Amino acid sequence: MKRWAILTVFLYALALLVLTLPVTLIALGDWGKNNMNMGFHETLKLVSHWGYWLWLGILVAGQALLLLLPINIAERRLPARRPLKIPVIVTAFFLANLCFAGIFSLLCAIFTDNAFNLFDASALFHSGAGQNGQNNNSGNGTLYTMIFTVLVFWAIWALVFFRNFAKSDTPDALLKRTIRWLLRGSILELIIAVPSHVIVRRRDDCCAPMGTFWGIATGISVMLLCFGPGVFFLFLEKFQQLKPGSARHSDGAPPRK
């Protein structure tokens, strides 16, 4: 079963790699009014950035952790509820990213490039700076504030799942619930991110298109993540059909000797 899980994770990583170039070229291609027009070579530079591989690693790790519960269900070994904490934590993390990406995409559509300044908490501590007191760490301040916001969303979603579902749902029901929430959340986030991206691309915004593009990339990545457990169970069903001595008729009766 672990081999099928590894194959599922590999297919998920392969799907992300294959979709990276076409999605980037479509979203940031030569159709907007701003200077954020990326060609094939610029897209390759984006893919070679360490941040891209870090996010890819996080997604692949999340897919692998989500498959731990289906493996335990398939092997019928869930002696305690401790294994249920892992899918809850992973689901809460991706729901937090979906919430942040959707909100930030909407802010980019409303406030243009100023949406980044809204998350620069360091500016509050440098508001009294003089004429030469420009904050050289404003970019880092925005990044740290965004990370902190995601952590807050993560804690909120984890609390919601732990208090309402993890203690009462069966493992199978919890798995279906987490996948359902992630799928619905990714669809809702894309409904916000895609129109927001079209809006900012038709203006002369400088950085806002990258914010909305991040929302599109997050929504697509999490949506594909949801299909991992389903693909795993398909592999598992095929494996059980091919396993000697375990074949059954379509009516569920054991094979005749």
C-alpha atoms as a PDB file:
ATOM      1  CA  MET A   1       0.000   0.000   0.000  1.00  0.00           C
ATOM      2  CA  LYS A   2       2.882   2.324   0.688  1.00  0.00           C
ATOM      3  CA  ARG A   3       4.051   1.798  -2.892  1.00  0.00           C
ATOM      4  CA  TRP A   4       0.670   2.977  -4.184  1.00  0.00           C
ATOM      5  CA  ALA A   5       0.905   5.995  -1.873  1.00  0.00           C
ATOM      6  CA  ILE A   6       4.381   6.834  -3.180  1.00  0.00           C
ATOM      7  CA  LEU A   7       3.097   6.512  -6.738  1.00  0.00           C
ATOM      8  CA  THR A   8       0.202   8.859  -5.930  1.00  0.00           C
ATOM      9  CA  VAL A   9       2.575  11.454  -4.463  1.00  0.00           C
ATOM     10  CA  PHE A  10       4.818  11.125  -7.520  1.00  0.00           C
ATOM     11  CA  LEU A  11       1.889  11.677  -9.889  1.00  0.00           C
ATOM     12  CA  TYR A  12       0.841  14.757  -7.900  1.00  0.00           C
ATOM     13  CA  ALA A  13       4.344  16.239  -8.073  1.00  0.00           C
ATOM     14  CA  LEU A  14       4.513  15.447 -11.791  1.00  0.00           C
ATOM     15  CA  ALA A  15       1.160  17.157 -12.400  1.00  0.00           C
ATOM     16  CA  LEU A  16       2.387  20.310 -10.644  1.00  0.00           C
ATOM     17  CA  LEU A  17       5.594  20.340 -12.659  1.00  0.00           C
ATOM     18  CA  VAL A  18       3.757  19.838 -15.950  1.00  0.00           C
ATOM     19  CA  LEU A  19       1.204  22.567 -15.224  1.00  0.00           C
ATOM     20  CA  THR A  20       3.696  25.165 -14.000  1.00  0.00           C
ATOM     21  CA  LEU A  21       4.845  26.471 -17.370  1.00  0.00           C
ATOM     22  CA  PRO A  22       1.467  26.620 -19.176  1.00  0.00           C
ATOM     23  CA  VAL A  23      -0.370  28.150 -16.202  1.00  0.00           C
ATOM     24  CA  THR A  24       2.356  30.769 -15.727  1.00  0.00           C
ATOM     25  CA  LEU A  25       2.440  31.648 -19.425  1.00  0.00           C
ATOM     26  CA  ILE A  26      -1.350  31.948 -19.565  1.00  0.00           C
ATOM     27  CA  ALA A  27      -1.653  34.000 -16.376  1.00  0.00           C
ATOM     28  CA  LEU A  28       1.339  36.281 -16.964  1.00  0.00           C
ATOM     29  CA  GLY A  29       1.583  36.218 -20.752  1.00  0.00           C
ATOM     30  CA  ASP A  30       1.492  39.119 -23.176  1.00  0.00           C
ATOM     31  CA  TRP A  31      -2.140  40.154 -22.801  1.00  0.00           C
ATOM     32  CA  GLY A  32      -2.138  42.667 -19.937  1.00  0.00           C
ATOM     33  CA  LYS A  33      -1.570  46.417 -19.927  1.00  0.00           C
ATOM     34  CA  ASN A  34       1.198  46.293 -17.324  1.00  0.00           C
ATOM     35  CA  ASN A  35       4.823  45.287 -17.626  1.00  0.00           C
ATOM     36  CA  MET A  36       4.214  41.901 -16.001  1.00  0.00           C
ATOM     37  CA  ASN A  37       4.483  40.051 -19.324  1.00  0.00           C
ATOM     38  CA  MET A  38       6.517  36.889 -18.976  1.00  0.00           C
ATOM     39  CA  GLY A  39       7.801  34.839 -21.857  1.00  0.00           C
ATOM     40  CA  PHE A  40       9.189  31.333 -21.890  1.00  0.00           C
ATOM     41  CA  HIS A  41      12.670  32.318 -20.674  1.00  0.00           C
ATOM     42  CA  GLU A  42      11.312  34.494 -17.867  1.00  0.00           C
ATOM     43  CA  THR A  43       9.086  31.622 -16.781  1.00  0.00           C
ATOM     44  CA  LEU A  44      12.079  29.295 -16.643  1.00  0.00           C
ATOM     45  CA  LYS A  45      13.826  31.789 -14.359  1.00  0.00           C
ATOM     46  CA  LEU A  46      10.787  31.787 -12.105  1.00  0.00           C
ATOM     47  CA  VAL A  47      10.784  27.997 -11.982  1.00  0.00           C
ATOM     48  CA  SER A  48      14.486  27.940 -11.113  1.00  0.00           C
ATOM     49  CA  HIS A  49      13.918  30.165  -8.068  1.00  0.00           C
ATOM     50  CA  TRP A  50      14.337  28.428  -4.702  1.00  0.00           C
ATOM     51  CA  GLY A  51      10.931  29.663  -3.531  1.00  0.00           C
ATOM     52  CA  TYR A  52       9.203  27.641  -6.237  1.00  0.00           C
ATOM     53  CA  TRP A  53      10.884  24.425  -5.140  1.00  0.00           C
ATOM     54  CA  LEU A  54      10.198  25.189  -1.494  1.00  0.00           C
ATOM     55  CA  TRP A  55       6.462  25.553  -2.182  1.00  0.00           C
ATOM     56  CA  LEU A  56       6.529  22.410  -4.348  1.00  0.00           C
ATOM     57  CA  GLY A  57       8.174  20.510  -1.504  1.00  0.00           C
ATOM     58  CA  ILE A  58       5.534  21.742   0.950  1.00  0.00           C
ATOM     59  CA  LEU A  59       2.739  20.614  -1.366  1.00  0.00           C
ATOM     60  CA  VAL A  60       4.269  17.188  -1.936  1.00  0.00           C
ATOM     61  CA  ALA A  61       4.858  16.759   1.799  1.00  0.00           C
ATOM     62  CA  GLY A  62       1.255  17.754   2.472  1.00  0.00           C
ATOM     63  CA  GLN A  63       0.021  15.189  -0.052  1.00  0.00           C
ATOM     64  CA  ALA A  64       2.139  12.501   1.594  1.00  0.00           C
ATOM     65  CA  LEU A  65       0.832  13.369   5.060  1.00  0.00           C
ATOM     66  CA  LEU A  66      -2.768  13.356   3.859  1.00  0.00           C
ATOM     67  CA  LEU A  67      -2.250   9.829   2.511  1.00  0.00           C
ATOM     68  CA  LEU A  68      -1.250   8.495   5.948  1.00  0.00           C
ATOM     69  CA  LEU A  69      -4.892   8.300   7.011  1.00  0.00           C
ATOM     70  CA  PRO A  70      -6.066   6.403   3.881  1.00  0.00           C
ATOM     71  CA  ILE A  71      -3.187   3.945   4.387  1.00  0.00           C
ATOM     72  CA  ASN A  72      -4.246   3.328   7.989  1.00  0.00           C
ATOM     73  CA  ILE A  73      -7.865   2.923   6.917  1.00  0.00           C
ATOM     74  CA  ALA A  74      -6.916   0.465   4.177  1.00  0.00           C
ATOM     75  CA  GLU A  75      -4.711  -1.545   6.535  1.00  0.00           C
ATOM     76  CA  ARG A  76      -7.388  -1.403   9.273  1.00  0.00           C
ATOM     77  CA  ARG A  77      -4.953  -0.196  11.932  1.00  0.00           C
ATOM     78  CA  LEU A  78      -6.170   2.842  13.819  1.00  0.00           C
ATOM     79  CA  PRO A  79      -5.697   1.904  17.499  1.00  0.00           C
ATOM     80  CA  ALA A  80      -5.923   5.490  18.735  1.00  0.00           C
ATOM     81  CA  ARG A  81      -7.192   8.853  17.522  1.00  0.00           C
ATOM     82  CA  ARG A  82      -3.700  10.314  17.483  1.00  0.00           C
ATOM     83  CA  PRO A  83      -3.207   9.610  13.729  1.00  0.00           C
ATOM     84  CA  LEU A  84      -6.257  11.779  13.050  1.00  0.00           C
ATOM     85  CA  LYS A  85      -4.350  14.871  14.175  1.00  0.00           C
ATOM     86  CA  ILE A  86      -2.096  14.760  11.115  1.00  0.00           C
ATOM     87  CA  PRO A  87      -4.800  15.236   8.424  1.00  0.00           C
ATOM     88  CA  VAL A  88      -6.439  17.897  10.589  1.00  0.00           C
ATOM     89  CA  ILE A  89      -3.203  19.892  10.874  1.00  0.00           C
ATOM     90  CA  VAL A  90      -2.446  19.504   7.158  1.00  0.00           C
ATOM     91  CA  THR A  91      -5.991  20.441   6.144  1.00  0.00           C
ATOM     92  CA  ALA A  92      -5.939  23.481   8.415  1.00  0.00           C
ATOM     93  CA  PHE A  93      -2.638  24.597   6.873  1.00  0.00           C
ATOM     94  CA  PHE A  94      -3.917  24.493   3.303  1.00  0.00           C
ATOM     95  CA  LEU A  95      -7.245  26.078   4.254  1.00  0.00           C
ATOM     96  CA  ALA A  96      -5.260  28.901   5.877  1.00  0.00           C
ATOM     97  CA  ASN A  97      -3.306  29.421   2.658  1.00  0.00           C
ATOM     98  CA  LEU A  98      -6.521  29.398   0.627  1.00  0.00           C
ATOM     99  CA  CYS A  99      -8.092  32.002   2.917  1.00  0.00           C
ATOM    100  CA  PHE A 100      -5.077  34.252   2.772  1.00  0.00           C
ATOM    101  CA  ALA A 101      -4.614  33.878  -0.993  1.00  0.00           C
ATOM    102  CA  GLY A 102      -8.279  34.656  -1.650  1.00  0.00           C
ATOM    103  CA  ILE A 103      -8.316  37.704   0.638  1.00  0.00           C
ATOM    104  CA  PHE A 104      -5.045  39.016  -0.748  1.00  0.00           C
ATOM    105  CA  SER A 105      -6.209  38.574  -4.356  1.00  0.00           C
ATOM    106  CA  LEU A 106      -9.327  40.578  -3.558  1.00  0.00           C
ATOM    107  CA  LEU A 107      -7.233  43.286  -1.878  1.00  0.00           C
ATOM    108  CA  CYS A 108      -4.981  43.486  -4.950  1.00  0.00           C
ATOM    109  CA  ALA A 109      -8.034  44.030  -7.143  1.00  0.00           C
ATOM    110  CA  ILE A 110      -9.315  46.803  -4.851  1.00  0.00           C
ATOM    111  CA  PHE A 111      -6.181  48.565  -3.624  1.00  0.00           C
ATOM    112  CA  THR A 112      -3.825  47.774  -6.556  1.00  0.00           C
ATOM    113  CA  ASP A 113      -0.159  47.656  -5.508  1.00  0.00           C
ATOM    114  CA  ASN A 114      -1.032  49.228  -2.160  1.00  0.00           C
ATOM    115  CA  ALA A 115      -2.357  45.832  -1.067  1.00  0.00           C
ATOM    116  CA  PHE A 116       1.234  44.869  -0.222  1.00  0.00           C
ATOM    117  CA  ASN A 117       1.567  47.915   2.033  1.00  0.00           C
ATOM    118  CA  LEU A 118      -1.466  46.787   3.998  1.00  0.00           C
ATOM    119  CA  PHE A 119       0.551  43.797   5.221  1.00  0.00           C
ATOM    120  CA  ASP A 120       3.669  45.787   6.090  1.00  0.00           C
ATOM    121  CA  ALA A 121       3.389  45.798   9.881  1.00  0.00           C
ATOM    122  CA  SER A 122       6.941  47.145  10.168  1.00  0.00           C
ATOM    123  CA  ALA A 123       5.704  50.477   8.778  1.00  0.00           C
ATOM    124  CA  LEU A 124       3.851  51.022  12.058  1.00  0.00           C
ATOM    125  CA  PHE A 125       7.151  51.094  13.909  1.00  0.00           C
ATOM    126  CA  HIS A 126       8.799  53.408  11.353  1.00  0.00           C
ATOM    127  CA  SER A 127       5.969  55.884  10.933  1.00  0.00           C
ATOM    128  CA  GLY A 128       7.970  58.495  12.793  1.00  0.00           C
ATOM    129  CA  ALA A 129      11.000  58.235  10.547  1.00  0.00           C
ATOM    130  CA  GLY A 130      12.344  61.397   9.024  1.00  0.00           C
ATOM    131  CA  GLN A 131      12.715  62.320   5.413  1.00  0.00           C
ATOM    132  CA  ASN A 132      15.737  60.053   5.066  1.00  0.00           C
ATOM    133  CA  GLY A 133      14.256  57.333   7.275  1.00  0.00           C
ATOM    134  CA  GLN A 134      13.002  55.012   4.584  1.00  0.00           C
ATOM    135  CA  ASN A 135      12.478  51.499   5.742  1.00  0.00           C
ATOM    136  CA  ASN A 136      14.910  49.281   3.880  1.00  0.00           C
ATOM    137  CA  ASN A 137      13.294  46.204   5.356  1.00  0.00           C
ATOM    138  CA  SER A 138       9.791  46.993   4.093  1.00  0.00           C
ATOM    139  CA  GLY A 139       9.866  43.986   1.798  1.00  0.00           C
ATOM    140  CA  ASN A 140      10.829  41.700   4.668  1.00  0.00           C
ATOM    141  CA  GLY A 141       8.221  43.360   6.867  1.00  0.00           C
ATOM    142  CA  THR A 142       5.509  42.556   4.336  1.00  0.00           C
ATOM    143  CA  LEU A 143       6.704  38.961   4.013  1.00  0.00           C
ATOM    144  CA  TYR A 144       6.842  38.414   7.762  1.00  0.00           C
ATOM    145  CA  THR A 145       3.399  39.927   8.243  1.00  0.00           C
ATOM    146  CA  MET A 146       1.970  37.664   5.530  1.00  0.00           C
ATOM    147  CA  ILE A 147       3.527  34.610   7.159  1.00  0.00           C
ATOM    148  CA  PHE A 148       2.149  35.661  10.534  1.00  0.00           C
ATOM    149  CA  THR A 149      -1.318  36.096   9.004  1.00  0.00           C
ATOM    150  CA  VAL A 150      -1.194  32.589   7.521  1.00  0.00           C
ATOM    151  CA  LEU A 151      -0.156  31.210  10.926  1.00  0.00           C
ATOM    152  CA  VAL A 152      -3.143  32.908  12.550  1.00  0.00           C
ATOM    153  CA  PHE A 153      -5.499  31.411   9.939  1.00  0.00           C
ATOM    154  CA  TRP A 154      -3.807  28.044  10.449  1.00  0.00           C
ATOM    155  CA  ALA A 155      -4.431  28.143  14.204  1.00  0.00           C
ATOM    156  CA  ILE A 156      -8.069  29.137  13.681  1.00  0.00           C
ATOM    157  CA  TRP A 157      -8.810  26.343  11.201  1.00  0.00           C
ATOM    158  CA  ALA A 158      -6.982  23.770  13.335  1.00  0.00           C
ATOM    159  CA  LEU A 159      -9.066  24.798  16.344  1.00  0.00           C
ATOM    160  CA  VAL A 160     -12.265  24.529  14.305  1.00  0.00           C
ATOM    161  CA  PHE A 161     -11.468  21.004  13.104  1.00  0.00           C
ATOM    162  CA  PHE A 162     -10.178  19.741  16.450  1.00  0.00           C
ATOM    163  CA  ARG A 163     -13.160  20.976  18.429  1.00  0.00           C
ATOM    164  CA  ASN A 164     -15.910  20.100  15.957  1.00  0.00           C
ATOM    165  CA  PHE A 165     -14.804  17.123  13.878  1.00  0.00           C
ATOM    166  CA  ALA A 166     -11.629  15.332  15.014  1.00  0.00           C
ATOM    167  CA  LYS A 167     -13.133  14.145  18.286  1.00  0.00           C
ATOM    168  CA  SER A 168     -16.427  12.906  16.868  1.00  0.00           C
ATOM    169  CA  ASP A 169     -15.874  11.779  13.272  1.00  0.00           C
ATOM    170  CA  THR A 170     -14.767   8.299  12.353  1.00  0.00           C
ATOM    171  CA  PRO A 171     -11.495   8.147  10.382  1.00  0.00           C
ATOM    172  CA  ASP A 172     -13.340   7.525   7.128  1.00  0.00           C
ATOM    173  CA  ALA A 173     -15.782  10.378   7.762  1.00  0.00           C
ATOM    174  CA  LEU A 174     -12.974  12.737   8.768  1.00  0.00           C
ATOM    175  CA  LEU A 175     -11.056  11.927   5.589  1.00  0.00           C
ATOM    176  CA  LYS A 176     -14.068  12.670   3.410  1.00  0.00           C
ATOM    177  CA  ARG A 177     -14.772  15.869   5.339  1.00  0.00           C
ATOM    178  CA  THR A 178     -11.229  17.219   4.991  1.00  0.00           C
ATOM    179  CA  ILE A 179     -11.116  16.505   1.256  1.00  0.00           C
ATOM    180  CA  ARG A 180     -14.546  18.072   0.792  1.00  0.00           C
ATOM    181  CA  TRP A 181     -13.520  21.236   2.635  1.00  0.00           C
ATOM    182  CA  LEU A 182     -10.272  21.547   0.696  1.00  0.00           C
ATOM    183  CA  LEU A 183     -12.004  21.039  -2.645  1.00  0.00           C
ATOM    184  CA  ARG A 184     -14.754  23.543  -1.909  1.00  0.00           C
ATOM    185  CA  GLY A 185     -12.254  26.000  -0.479  1.00  0.00           C
ATOM    186  CA  SER A 186     -10.009  25.805  -3.550  1.00  0.00           C
ATOM    187  CA  ILE A 187     -12.957  26.319  -5.906  1.00  0.00           C
ATOM    188  CA  LEU A 188     -14.169  29.335  -3.918  1.00  0.00           C
ATOM    189  CA  GLU A 189     -10.655  30.764  -3.798  1.00  0.00           C
ATOM    190  CA  LEU A 190     -10.264  30.403  -7.567  1.00  0.00           C
ATOM    191  CA  ILE A 191     -13.614  32.135  -8.101  1.00  0.00           C
ATOM    192  CA  ILE A 192     -12.081  35.127  -6.301  1.00  0.00           C
ATOM    193  CA  ALA A 193      -8.512  34.918  -7.618  1.00  0.00           C
ATOM    194  CA  VAL A 194      -9.182  34.499 -11.340  1.00  0.00           C
ATOM    195  CA  PRO A 195     -11.416  37.595 -11.810  1.00  0.00           C
ATOM    196  CA  SER A 196      -9.083  39.585  -9.562  1.00  0.00           C
ATOM    197  CA  HIS A 197      -6.155  38.590 -11.745  1.00  0.00           C
ATOM    198  CA  VAL A 198      -7.978  39.678 -14.894  1.00  0.00           C
ATOM    199  CA  ILE A 199      -8.722  43.046 -13.278  1.00  0.00           C
ATOM    200  CA  VAL A 200      -5.142  43.769 -12.215  1.00  0.00           C
ATOM    201  CA  ARG A 201      -3.693  42.605 -15.533  1.00  0.00           C
ATOM    202  CA  ARG A 202      -5.861  45.137 -17.374  1.00  0.00           C
ATOM    203  CA  ARG A 203      -4.419  47.969 -15.292  1.00  0.00           C
ATOM    204  CA  ASP A 204      -0.910  49.361 -15.044  1.00  0.00           C
ATOM    205  CA  ASP A 205      -0.242  47.666 -11.693  1.00  0.00           C
ATOM    206  CA  CYS A 206       3.321  46.630 -10.990  1.00  0.00           C
ATOM    207  CA  CYS A 207       3.212  43.996  -8.229  1.00  0.00           C
ATOM    208  CA  ALA A 208      -0.502  43.227  -7.873  1.00  0.00           C
ATOM    209  CA  PRO A 209      -0.491  40.659 -10.733  1.00  0.00           C
ATOM    210  CA  MET A 210       1.991  38.524  -8.801  1.00  0.00           C
ATOM    211  CA  GLY A 211      -0.322  38.599  -5.787  1.00  0.00           C
ATOM    212  CA  THR A 212      -3.334  37.410  -7.756  1.00  0.00           C
ATOM    213  CA  PHE A 213      -1.208  34.887  -9.650  1.00  0.00           C
ATOM    214  CA  TRP A 214      -0.180  33.446  -6.292  1.00  0.00           C
ATOM    215  CA  GLY A 215      -3.875  33.036  -5.528  1.00  0.00           C
ATOM    216  CA  ILE A 216      -4.444  31.130  -8.778  1.00  0.00           C
ATOM    217  CA  ALA A 217      -1.420  28.902  -8.185  1.00  0.00           C
ATOM    218  CA  THR A 218      -2.542  28.137  -4.630  1.00  0.00           C
ATOM    219  CA  GLY A 219      -6.093  27.280  -5.685  1.00  0.00           C
ATOM    220  CA  ILE A 220      -4.999  24.935  -8.476  1.00  0.00           C
ATOM    221  CA  SER A 221      -2.372  23.250  -6.292  1.00  0.00           C
ATOM    222  CA  VAL A 222      -4.773  22.533  -3.439  1.00  0.00           C
ATOM    223  CA  MET A 223      -7.488  21.384  -5.845  1.00  0.00           C
ATOM    224  CA  LEU A 224      -5.131  18.808  -7.333  1.00  0.00           C
ATOM    225  CA  LEU A 225      -4.116  17.838  -3.800  1.00  0.00           C
ATOM    226  CA  CYS A 226      -7.682  16.766  -3.084  1.00  0.00           C
ATOM    227  CA  PHE A 227      -7.593  14.051  -5.741  1.00  0.00           C
ATOM    228  CA  GLY A 228      -4.649  12.259  -4.080  1.00  0.00           C
ATOM    229  CA  PRO A 229      -6.664  10.077  -1.648  1.00  0.00           C
ATOM    230  CA  GLY A 230      -9.159   9.239  -4.412  1.00  0.00           C
ATOM    231  CA  VAL A 231      -6.369   8.160  -6.748  1.00  0.00           C
ATOM    232  CA  PHE A 232      -4.824   6.118  -3.937  1.00  0.00           C
ATOM    233  CA  PHE A 233      -8.043   4.203  -3.317  1.00  0.00           C
ATOM    234  CA  LEU A 234      -8.349   3.517  -7.055  1.00  0.00           C
ATOM    235  CA  PHE A 235      -4.857   2.012  -7.028  1.00  0.00           C
ATOM    236  CA  LEU A 236      -5.720   0.060  -3.888  1.00  0.00           C
ATOM    237  CA  GLU A 237      -8.916  -1.330  -5.421  1.00  0.00           C
ATOM    238  CA  LYS A 238      -6.996  -2.414  -8.498  1.00  0.00           C
ATOM    239  CA  PHE A 239      -4.348  -4.023  -6.304  1.00  0.00           C
ATOM    240  CA  GLN A 240      -6.951  -5.980  -4.342  1.00  0.00           C
ATOM    241  CA  GLN A 241      -8.548  -7.207  -7.582  1.00  0.00           C
ATOM    242  CA  LEU A 242      -5.182  -8.442  -8.860  1.00  0.00           C
ATOM    243  CA  LYS A 243      -4.125  -9.986  -5.570  1.00  0.00           C
ATOM    244  CA  PRO A 244      -4.327 -13.809  -5.701  1.00  0.00           C
ATOM    245  CA  GLY A 245      -7.024 -15.310  -3.524  1.00  0.00           C
ATOM    246  CA  SER A 246      -8.797 -12.004  -2.898  1.00  0.00           C
ATOM    247  CA  ALA A 247     -10.888 -11.758  -6.057  1.00  0.00           C
ATOM    248  CA  ARG A 248     -14.626 -11.467  -5.594  1.00  0.00           C
ATOM    249  CA  HIS A 249     -17.596 -11.433  -7.843  1.00  0.00           C
ATOM    250  CA  SER A 250     -19.409  -8.213  -8.572  1.00  0.00           C
ATOM    251  CA  ASP A 251     -22.091  -9.202  -6.025  1.00  0.00           C
ATOM    252  CA  GLY A 252     -19.480  -9.413  -3.274  1.00  0.00           C
ATOM    253  CA  ALA A 253     -19.562 -13.219  -2.990  1.00  0.00           C
ATOM    254  CA  PRO A 254     -16.281 -15.111  -2.758  1.00  0.00           C
ATOM    255  CA  PRO A 255     -15.090 -16.900  -5.908  1.00  0.00           C
ATOM    256  CA  ARG A 256     -16.202 -20.445  -6.499  1.00  0.00           C
ATOM    257  CA  LYS A 257     -13.652 -23.201  -6.248  1.00  0.00           C
END
